[in-house]
Amino acid sequence: MAIEVRIPTILRQYTDGQKAVEGSGDTLADLFNDLETRHAGIHARIVDEGKLRRFVNVYLNDEDVRFVDGINTKLSDGDTVTILPAVAGGMA
């Protein structure tokens, strides 16, 4: 099963600069474990104590996974997963 994972700039140090990588898994948790086998260190930047990190947004085919099943969201062949760091800031 091939799943495209779009990598934000801040995490590309783990993917040798690649904007997108392929992974596999039945759920997001499986996918992130699979990514760790080829891109050491990326898992800890996305997952903390078995849950998605608070300041990381993950989208499955443009749908926020927090409104599906979070890290247990089921995946299908051909899906696209986008990882985006949450953005904060503004005027002080």
PDB file of N, CA and C in Angstrom:
ATOM      1  N   MET A   1       0.849  -1.170   0.000  1.00  0.00           N
ATOM      2  CA  MET A   1       0.000   0.000   0.000  1.00  0.00           C
ATOM      3  C   MET A   1       0.898   1.237   0.000  1.00  0.00           C
ATOM      4  N   ALA A   2       0.733   2.110  -0.973  1.00  0.00           N
ATOM      5  CA  ALA A   2       1.540   3.323  -1.083  1.00  0.00           C
ATOM      6  C   ALA A   2       0.729   4.542  -0.656  1.00  0.00           C
ATOM      7  N   ILE A   3       1.305   5.298   0.259  1.00  0.00           N
ATOM      8  CA  ILE A   3       0.680   6.518   0.755  1.00  0.00           C
ATOM      9  C   ILE A   3       1.704   7.637   0.601  1.00  0.00           C
ATOM     10  N   GLU A   4       1.297   8.733  -0.006  1.00  0.00           N
ATOM     11  CA  GLU A   4       2.176   9.887  -0.143  1.00  0.00           C
ATOM     12  C   GLU A   4       2.089  10.705   1.134  1.00  0.00           C
ATOM     13  N   VAL A   5       3.251  11.070   1.680  1.00  0.00           N
ATOM     14  CA  VAL A   5       3.313  11.895   2.876  1.00  0.00           C
ATOM     15  C   VAL A   5       4.023  13.185   2.504  1.00  0.00           C
ATOM     16  N   ARG A   6       3.318  14.292   2.630  1.00  0.00           N
ATOM     17  CA  ARG A   6       3.897  15.606   2.329  1.00  0.00           C
ATOM     18  C   ARG A   6       4.552  16.140   3.593  1.00  0.00           C
ATOM     19  N   ILE A   7       5.811  16.511   3.451  1.00  0.00           N
ATOM     20  CA  ILE A   7       6.647  16.882   4.579  1.00  0.00           C
ATOM     21  C   ILE A   7       6.851  18.399   4.614  1.00  0.00           C
ATOM     22  N   PRO A   8       6.595  19.046   5.764  1.00  0.00           N
ATOM     23  CA  PRO A   8       6.827  20.487   5.864  1.00  0.00           C
ATOM     24  C   PRO A   8       8.328  20.790   5.916  1.00  0.00           C
ATOM     25  N   THR A   9       8.691  21.988   5.580  1.00  0.00           N
ATOM     26  CA  THR A   9      10.094  22.396   5.531  1.00  0.00           C
ATOM     27  C   THR A   9      10.833  22.048   6.817  1.00  0.00           C
ATOM     28  N   ILE A  10      10.229  22.294   7.951  1.00  0.00           N
ATOM     29  CA  ILE A  10      10.897  22.088   9.232  1.00  0.00           C
ATOM     30  C   ILE A  10      11.258  20.619   9.497  1.00  0.00           C
ATOM     31  N   LEU A  11      10.583  19.686   8.849  1.00  0.00           N
ATOM     32  CA  LEU A  11      10.869  18.259   9.044  1.00  0.00           C
ATOM     33  C   LEU A  11      11.685  17.646   7.911  1.00  0.00           C
ATOM     34  N   ARG A  12      12.008  18.420   6.918  1.00  0.00           N
ATOM     35  CA  ARG A  12      12.731  17.873   5.761  1.00  0.00           C
ATOM     36  C   ARG A  12      14.161  17.470   6.087  1.00  0.00           C
ATOM     37  N   GLN A  13      14.675  17.928   7.214  1.00  0.00           N
ATOM     38  CA  GLN A  13      16.016  17.488   7.622  1.00  0.00           C
ATOM     39  C   GLN A  13      16.040  15.975   7.858  1.00  0.00           C
ATOM     40  N   TYR A  14      14.881  15.399   8.162  1.00  0.00           N
ATOM     41  CA  TYR A  14      14.783  13.958   8.396  1.00  0.00           C
ATOM     42  C   TYR A  14      14.563  13.173   7.105  1.00  0.00           C
ATOM     43  N   THR A  15      14.167  13.858   6.034  1.00  0.00           N
ATOM     44  CA  THR A  15      13.883  13.186   4.760  1.00  0.00           C
ATOM     45  C   THR A  15      14.879  13.586   3.674  1.00  0.00           C
ATOM     46  N   ASP A  16      16.051  14.033   4.088  1.00  0.00           N
ATOM     47  CA  ASP A  16      17.091  14.455   3.137  1.00  0.00           C
ATOM     48  C   ASP A  16      16.580  15.513   2.176  1.00  0.00           C
ATOM     49  N   GLY A  17      15.737  16.412   2.682  1.00  0.00           N
ATOM     50  CA  GLY A  17      15.240  17.520   1.888  1.00  0.00           C
ATOM     51  C   GLY A  17      14.042  17.218   1.014  1.00  0.00           C
ATOM     52  N   GLN A  18      13.571  15.991   1.033  1.00  0.00           N
ATOM     53  CA  GLN A  18      12.435  15.621   0.189  1.00  0.00           C
ATOM     54  C   GLN A  18      11.141  16.275   0.681  1.00  0.00           C
ATOM     55  N   LYS A  19      10.380  16.831  -0.262  1.00  0.00           N
ATOM     56  CA  LYS A  19       9.096  17.460   0.053  1.00  0.00           C
ATOM     57  C   LYS A  19       8.000  16.438   0.287  1.00  0.00           C
ATOM     58  N   ALA A  20       8.147  15.264  -0.287  1.00  0.00           N
ATOM     59  CA  ALA A  20       7.164  14.194  -0.135  1.00  0.00           C
ATOM     60  C   ALA A  20       7.901  12.860  -0.141  1.00  0.00           C
ATOM     61  N   VAL A  21       7.397  11.947   0.668  1.00  0.00           N
ATOM     62  CA  VAL A  21       7.953  10.600   0.738  1.00  0.00           C
ATOM     63  C   VAL A  21       6.802   9.601   0.690  1.00  0.00           C
ATOM     64  N   GLU A  22       7.138   8.353   0.413  1.00  0.00           N
ATOM     65  CA  GLU A  22       6.115   7.299   0.426  1.00  0.00           C
ATOM     66  C   GLU A  22       6.233   6.501   1.702  1.00  0.00           C
ATOM     67  N   GLY A  23       5.082   6.045   2.174  1.00  0.00           N
ATOM     68  CA  GLY A  23       5.048   5.198   3.345  1.00  0.00           C
ATOM     69  C   GLY A  23       3.912   4.214   3.202  1.00  0.00           C
ATOM     70  N   SER A  24       3.777   3.360   4.223  1.00  0.00           N
ATOM     71  CA  SER A  24       2.682   2.403   4.203  1.00  0.00           C
ATOM     72  C   SER A  24       2.200   2.155   5.623  1.00  0.00           C
ATOM     73  N   GLY A  25       0.975   1.670   5.712  1.00  0.00           N
ATOM     74  CA  GLY A  25       0.394   1.338   6.995  1.00  0.00           C
ATOM     75  C   GLY A  25      -1.113   1.348   6.910  1.00  0.00           C
ATOM     76  N   ASP A  26      -1.735   0.619   7.820  1.00  0.00           N
ATOM     77  CA  ASP A  26      -3.199   0.574   7.860  1.00  0.00           C
ATOM     78  C   ASP A  26      -3.789   1.773   8.571  1.00  0.00           C
ATOM     79  N   THR A  27      -3.005   2.393   9.484  1.00  0.00           N
ATOM     80  CA  THR A  27      -3.446   3.573  10.225  1.00  0.00           C
ATOM     81  C   THR A  27      -2.330   4.608  10.198  1.00  0.00           C
ATOM     82  N   LEU A  28      -2.636   5.805  10.658  1.00  0.00           N
ATOM     83  CA  LEU A  28      -1.595   6.828  10.747  1.00  0.00           C
ATOM     84  C   LEU A  28      -0.476   6.380  11.673  1.00  0.00           C
ATOM     85  N   ALA A  29      -0.821   5.733  12.778  1.00  0.00           N
ATOM     86  CA  ALA A  29       0.206   5.246  13.712  1.00  0.00           C
ATOM     87  C   ALA A  29       1.157   4.300  12.984  1.00  0.00           C
ATOM     88  N   ASP A  30       0.611   3.380  12.204  1.00  0.00           N
ATOM     89  CA  ASP A  30       1.444   2.448  11.428  1.00  0.00           C
ATOM     90  C   ASP A  30       2.306   3.202  10.417  1.00  0.00           C
ATOM     91  N   LEU A  31       1.721   4.184   9.764  1.00  0.00           N
ATOM     92  CA  LEU A  31       2.442   4.981   8.770  1.00  0.00           C
ATOM     93  C   LEU A  31       3.627   5.693   9.409  1.00  0.00           C
ATOM     94  N   PHE A  32       3.408   6.334  10.556  1.00  0.00           N
ATOM     95  CA  PHE A  32       4.493   7.065  11.211  1.00  0.00           C
ATOM     96  C   PHE A  32       5.586   6.122  11.708  1.00  0.00           C
ATOM     97  N   ASN A  33       5.209   4.926  12.137  1.00  0.00           N
ATOM     98  CA  ASN A  33       6.213   3.920  12.511  1.00  0.00           C
ATOM     99  C   ASN A  33       7.011   3.481  11.291  1.00  0.00           C
ATOM    100  N   ASP A  34       6.324   3.322  10.155  1.00  0.00           N
ATOM    101  CA  ASP A  34       6.990   2.953   8.914  1.00  0.00           C
ATOM    102  C   ASP A  34       7.958   4.051   8.476  1.00  0.00           C
ATOM    103  N   LEU A  35       7.545   5.305   8.571  1.00  0.00           N
ATOM    104  CA  LEU A  35       8.420   6.413   8.183  1.00  0.00           C
ATOM    105  C   LEU A  35       9.692   6.430   9.026  1.00  0.00           C
ATOM    106  N   GLU A  36       9.550   6.115  10.305  1.00  0.00           N
ATOM    107  CA  GLU A  36      10.705   6.129  11.206  1.00  0.00           C
ATOM    108  C   GLU A  36      11.777   5.132  10.762  1.00  0.00           C
ATOM    109  N   THR A  37      11.382   4.036  10.133  1.00  0.00           N
ATOM    110  CA  THR A  37      12.360   3.033   9.698  1.00  0.00           C
ATOM    111  C   THR A  37      13.279   3.560   8.600  1.00  0.00           C
ATOM    112  N   ARG A  38      12.809   4.536   7.830  1.00  0.00           N
ATOM    113  CA  ARG A  38      13.627   5.095   6.741  1.00  0.00           C
ATOM    114  C   ARG A  38      14.079   6.525   7.006  1.00  0.00           C
ATOM    115  N   HIS A  39      13.410   7.194   7.934  1.00  0.00           N
ATOM    116  CA  HIS A  39      13.704   8.605   8.211  1.00  0.00           C
ATOM    117  C   HIS A  39      13.793   8.789   9.726  1.00  0.00           C
ATOM    118  N   ALA A  40      14.885   8.268  10.278  1.00  0.00           N
ATOM    119  CA  ALA A  40      15.067   8.264  11.735  1.00  0.00           C
ATOM    120  C   ALA A  40      14.929   9.658  12.338  1.00  0.00           C
ATOM    121  N   GLY A  41      14.143   9.725  13.411  1.00  0.00           N
ATOM    122  CA  GLY A  41      13.945  10.974  14.131  1.00  0.00           C
ATOM    123  C   GLY A  41      12.641  11.667  13.826  1.00  0.00           C
ATOM    124  N   ILE A  42      12.012  11.334  12.712  1.00  0.00           N
ATOM    125  CA  ILE A  42      10.787  12.033  12.318  1.00  0.00           C
ATOM    126  C   ILE A  42       9.608  11.670  13.230  1.00  0.00           C
ATOM    127  N   HIS A  43       9.562  10.449  13.675  1.00  0.00           N
ATOM    128  CA  HIS A  43       8.446   9.982  14.515  1.00  0.00           C
ATOM    129  C   HIS A  43       8.295  10.841  15.765  1.00  0.00           C
ATOM    130  N   ALA A  44       9.392  11.128  16.439  1.00  0.00           N
ATOM    131  CA  ALA A  44       9.346  11.903  17.684  1.00  0.00           C
ATOM    132  C   ALA A  44       8.873  13.336  17.461  1.00  0.00           C
ATOM    133  N   ARG A  45       8.987  13.826  16.250  1.00  0.00           N
ATOM    134  CA  ARG A  45       8.534  15.188  15.934  1.00  0.00           C
ATOM    135  C   ARG A  45       7.044  15.251  15.635  1.00  0.00           C
ATOM    136  N   ILE A  46       6.428  14.084  15.405  1.00  0.00           N
ATOM    137  CA  ILE A  46       5.014  14.029  15.047  1.00  0.00           C
ATOM    138  C   ILE A  46       4.171  13.427  16.170  1.00  0.00           C
ATOM    139  N   VAL A  47       4.733  12.424  16.850  1.00  0.00           N
ATOM    140  CA  VAL A  47       3.982  11.653  17.851  1.00  0.00           C
ATOM    141  C   VAL A  47       4.639  11.800  19.215  1.00  0.00           C
ATOM    142  N   ASP A  48       3.809  11.958  20.246  1.00  0.00           N
ATOM    143  CA  ASP A  48       4.292  12.039  21.622  1.00  0.00           C
ATOM    144  C   ASP A  48       3.380  11.191  22.503  1.00  0.00           C
ATOM    145  N   GLU A  49       3.954  10.185  23.152  1.00  0.00           N
ATOM    146  CA  GLU A  49       3.208   9.290  24.034  1.00  0.00           C
ATOM    147  C   GLU A  49       1.991   8.665  23.348  1.00  0.00           C
ATOM    148  N   GLY A  50       2.180   8.254  22.098  1.00  0.00           N
ATOM    149  CA  GLY A  50       1.135   7.563  21.362  1.00  0.00           C
ATOM    150  C   GLY A  50       0.042   8.443  20.790  1.00  0.00           C
ATOM    151  N   LYS A  51       0.208   9.755  20.874  1.00  0.00           N
ATOM    152  CA  LYS A  51      -0.778  10.698  20.329  1.00  0.00           C
ATOM    153  C   LYS A  51      -0.063  11.693  19.429  1.00  0.00           C
ATOM    154  N   LEU A  52      -0.840  12.294  18.529  1.00  0.00           N
ATOM    155  CA  LEU A  52      -0.259  13.348  17.697  1.00  0.00           C
ATOM    156  C   LEU A  52       0.156  14.503  18.596  1.00  0.00           C
ATOM    157  N   ARG A  53       1.313  15.051  18.311  1.00  0.00           N
ATOM    158  CA  ARG A  53       1.767  16.215  19.087  1.00  0.00           C
ATOM    159  C   ARG A  53       0.760  17.355  18.955  1.00  0.00           C
ATOM    160  N   ARG A  54       0.636  18.099  19.994  1.00  0.00           N
ATOM    161  CA  ARG A  54      -0.355  19.180  20.076  1.00  0.00           C
ATOM    162  C   ARG A  54      -0.182  20.225  18.978  1.00  0.00           C
ATOM    163  N   PHE A  55       1.061  20.533  18.637  1.00  0.00           N
ATOM    164  CA  PHE A  55       1.306  21.603  17.675  1.00  0.00           C
ATOM    165  C   PHE A  55       1.644  21.094  16.277  1.00  0.00           C
ATOM    166  N   VAL A  56       1.165  19.899  15.964  1.00  0.00           N
ATOM    167  CA  VAL A  56       1.320  19.337  14.629  1.00  0.00           C
ATOM    168  C   VAL A  56      -0.067  19.013  14.093  1.00  0.00           C
ATOM    169  N   ASN A  57      -0.369  19.525  12.930  1.00  0.00           N
ATOM    170  CA  ASN A  57      -1.642  19.230  12.274  1.00  0.00           C
ATOM    171  C   ASN A  57      -1.390  18.195  11.187  1.00  0.00           C
ATOM    172  N   VAL A  58      -2.262  17.198  11.129  1.00  0.00           N
ATOM    173  CA  VAL A  58      -2.137  16.150  10.127  1.00  0.00           C
ATOM    174  C   VAL A  58      -3.452  16.059   9.359  1.00  0.00           C
ATOM    175  N   TYR A  59      -3.334  16.038   8.046  1.00  0.00           N
ATOM    176  CA  TYR A  59      -4.506  15.977   7.173  1.00  0.00           C
ATOM    177  C   TYR A  59      -4.437  14.727   6.315  1.00  0.00           C
ATOM    178  N   LEU A  60      -5.555  14.059   6.213  1.00  0.00           N
ATOM    179  CA  LEU A  60      -5.692  12.912   5.329  1.00  0.00           C
ATOM    180  C   LEU A  60      -6.585  13.337   4.182  1.00  0.00           C
ATOM    181  N   ASN A  61      -6.007  13.425   2.985  1.00  0.00           N
ATOM    182  CA  ASN A  61      -6.764  13.881   1.814  1.00  0.00           C
ATOM    183  C   ASN A  61      -7.502  15.182   2.115  1.00  0.00           C
ATOM    184  N   ASP A  62      -6.812  16.124   2.740  1.00  0.00           N
ATOM    185  CA  ASP A  62      -7.310  17.470   3.058  1.00  0.00           C
ATOM    186  C   ASP A  62      -8.302  17.515   4.220  1.00  0.00           C
ATOM    187  N   GLU A  63      -8.489  16.418   4.959  1.00  0.00           N
ATOM    188  CA  GLU A  63      -9.383  16.410   6.120  1.00  0.00           C
ATOM    189  C   GLU A  63      -8.546  16.275   7.390  1.00  0.00           C
ATOM    190  N   ASP A  64      -8.786  17.177   8.340  1.00  0.00           N
ATOM    191  CA  ASP A  64      -8.065  17.171   9.602  1.00  0.00           C
ATOM    192  C   ASP A  64      -8.364  15.871  10.352  1.00  0.00           C
ATOM    193  N   VAL A  65      -7.328  15.092  10.657  1.00  0.00           N
ATOM    194  CA  VAL A  65      -7.542  13.786  11.286  1.00  0.00           C
ATOM    195  C   VAL A  65      -8.047  13.888  12.725  1.00  0.00           C
ATOM    196  N   ARG A  66      -7.932  15.057  13.334  1.00  0.00           N
ATOM    197  CA  ARG A  66      -8.475  15.225  14.689  1.00  0.00           C
ATOM    198  C   ARG A  66      -9.982  15.049  14.695  1.00  0.00           C
ATOM    199  N   PHE A  67     -10.610  15.261  13.550  1.00  0.00           N
ATOM    200  CA  PHE A  67     -12.064  15.119  13.440  1.00  0.00           C
ATOM    201  C   PHE A  67     -12.461  13.759  12.874  1.00  0.00           C
ATOM    202  N   VAL A  68     -11.469  12.892  12.700  1.00  0.00           N
ATOM    203  CA  VAL A  68     -11.732  11.520  12.255  1.00  0.00           C
ATOM    204  C   VAL A  68     -11.408  10.638  13.460  1.00  0.00           C
ATOM    205  N   ASP A  69     -10.291   9.923  13.435  1.00  0.00           N
ATOM    206  CA  ASP A  69      -9.883   9.075  14.553  1.00  0.00           C
ATOM    207  C   ASP A  69      -8.471   9.379  15.033  1.00  0.00           C
ATOM    208  N   GLY A  70      -7.996  10.601  14.781  1.00  0.00           N
ATOM    209  CA  GLY A  70      -6.649  10.967  15.225  1.00  0.00           C
ATOM    210  C   GLY A  70      -5.601  10.031  14.668  1.00  0.00           C
ATOM    211  N   ILE A  71      -4.702   9.612  15.524  1.00  0.00           N
ATOM    212  CA  ILE A  71      -3.595   8.749  15.092  1.00  0.00           C
ATOM    213  C   ILE A  71      -4.069   7.360  14.667  1.00  0.00           C
ATOM    214  N   ASN A  72      -5.291   7.010  15.026  1.00  0.00           N
ATOM    215  CA  ASN A  72      -5.850   5.706  14.642  1.00  0.00           C
ATOM    216  C   ASN A  72      -6.674   5.768  13.364  1.00  0.00           C
ATOM    217  N   THR A  73      -6.626   6.889  12.664  1.00  0.00           N
ATOM    218  CA  THR A  73      -7.347   7.049  11.409  1.00  0.00           C
ATOM    219  C   THR A  73      -6.883   5.997  10.397  1.00  0.00           C
ATOM    220  N   LYS A  74      -7.821   5.332   9.782  1.00  0.00           N
ATOM    221  CA  LYS A  74      -7.532   4.289   8.787  1.00  0.00           C
ATOM    222  C   LYS A  74      -7.056   4.916   7.482  1.00  0.00           C
ATOM    223  N   LEU A  75      -6.142   4.233   6.830  1.00  0.00           N
ATOM    224  CA  LEU A  75      -5.581   4.685   5.562  1.00  0.00           C
ATOM    225  C   LEU A  75      -5.899   3.691   4.454  1.00  0.00           C
ATOM    226  N   SER A  76      -5.898   4.200   3.220  1.00  0.00           N
ATOM    227  CA  SER A  76      -6.115   3.371   2.036  1.00  0.00           C
ATOM    228  C   SER A  76      -5.020   3.651   1.019  1.00  0.00           C
ATOM    229  N   ASP A  77      -4.787   2.693   0.154  1.00  0.00           N
ATOM    230  CA  ASP A  77      -3.812   2.851  -0.912  1.00  0.00           C
ATOM    231  C   ASP A  77      -4.135   4.104  -1.717  1.00  0.00           C
ATOM    232  N   GLY A  78      -3.118   4.926  -1.970  1.00  0.00           N
ATOM    233  CA  GLY A  78      -3.311   6.131  -2.758  1.00  0.00           C
ATOM    234  C   GLY A  78      -3.651   7.369  -1.949  1.00  0.00           C
ATOM    235  N   ASP A  79      -3.826   7.227  -0.635  1.00  0.00           N
ATOM    236  CA  ASP A  79      -4.114   8.389   0.208  1.00  0.00           C
ATOM    237  C   ASP A  79      -2.935   9.347   0.227  1.00  0.00           C
ATOM    238  N   THR A  80      -3.233  10.589   0.567  1.00  0.00           N
ATOM    239  CA  THR A  80      -2.207  11.604   0.761  1.00  0.00           C
ATOM    240  C   THR A  80      -2.325  12.125   2.182  1.00  0.00           C
ATOM    241  N   VAL A  81      -1.216  12.096   2.901  1.00  0.00           N
ATOM    242  CA  VAL A  81      -1.154  12.615   4.259  1.00  0.00           C
ATOM    243  C   VAL A  81      -0.269  13.854   4.229  1.00  0.00           C
ATOM    244  N   THR A  82      -0.773  14.937   4.787  1.00  0.00           N
ATOM    245  CA  THR A  82      -0.021  16.184   4.854  1.00  0.00           C
ATOM    246  C   THR A  82       0.239  16.507   6.311  1.00  0.00           C
ATOM    247  N   ILE A  83       1.495  16.759   6.629  1.00  0.00           N
ATOM    248  CA  ILE A  83       1.903  17.133   7.985  1.00  0.00           C
ATOM    249  C   ILE A  83       2.211  18.627   7.972  1.00  0.00           C
ATOM    250  N   LEU A  84       1.560  19.370   8.872  1.00  0.00           N
ATOM    251  CA  LEU A  84       1.799  20.802   8.956  1.00  0.00           C
ATOM    252  C   LEU A  84       2.020  21.208  10.397  1.00  0.00           C
ATOM    253  N   PRO A  85       3.088  21.960  10.652  1.00  0.00           N
ATOM    254  CA  PRO A  85       3.262  22.476  12.003  1.00  0.00           C
ATOM    255  C   PRO A  85       2.221  23.566  12.250  1.00  0.00           C
ATOM    256  N   ALA A  86       1.677  23.606  13.459  1.00  0.00           N
ATOM    257  CA  ALA A  86       0.738  24.660  13.797  1.00  0.00           C
ATOM    258  C   ALA A  86       1.469  25.987  13.816  1.00  0.00           C
ATOM    259  N   VAL A  87       0.817  27.023  13.371  1.00  0.00           N
ATOM    260  CA  VAL A  87       1.418  28.341  13.296  1.00  0.00           C
ATOM    261  C   VAL A  87       0.759  29.240  14.339  1.00  0.00           C
ATOM    262  N   ALA A  88       1.569  29.927  15.108  1.00  0.00           N
ATOM    263  CA  ALA A  88       1.052  30.852  16.113  1.00  0.00           C
ATOM    264  C   ALA A  88       1.811  32.152  15.965  1.00  0.00           C
ATOM    265  N   GLY A  89       1.255  33.178  16.538  1.00  0.00           N
ATOM    266  CA  GLY A  89       1.944  34.455  16.507  1.00  0.00           C
ATOM    267  C   GLY A  89       0.964  35.586  16.334  1.00  0.00           C
ATOM    268  N   GLY A  90       1.496  36.718  16.064  1.00  0.00           N
ATOM    269  CA  GLY A  90       0.654  37.879  15.905  1.00  0.00           C
ATOM    270  C   GLY A  90       1.326  39.096  16.530  1.00  0.00           C
ATOM    271  N   MET A  91       0.552  40.109  16.711  1.00  0.00           N
ATOM    272  CA  MET A  91       1.049  41.356  17.279  1.00  0.00           C
ATOM    273  C   MET A  91       1.174  41.231  18.785  1.00  0.00           C
ATOM    274  N   ALA A  92       2.227  41.786  19.322  1.00  0.00           N
ATOM    275  CA  ALA A  92       2.440  41.768  20.785  1.00  0.00           C
ATOM    276  C   ALA A  92       1.850  43.003  21.418  1.00  0.00           C
TER     277      ALA A  92
END
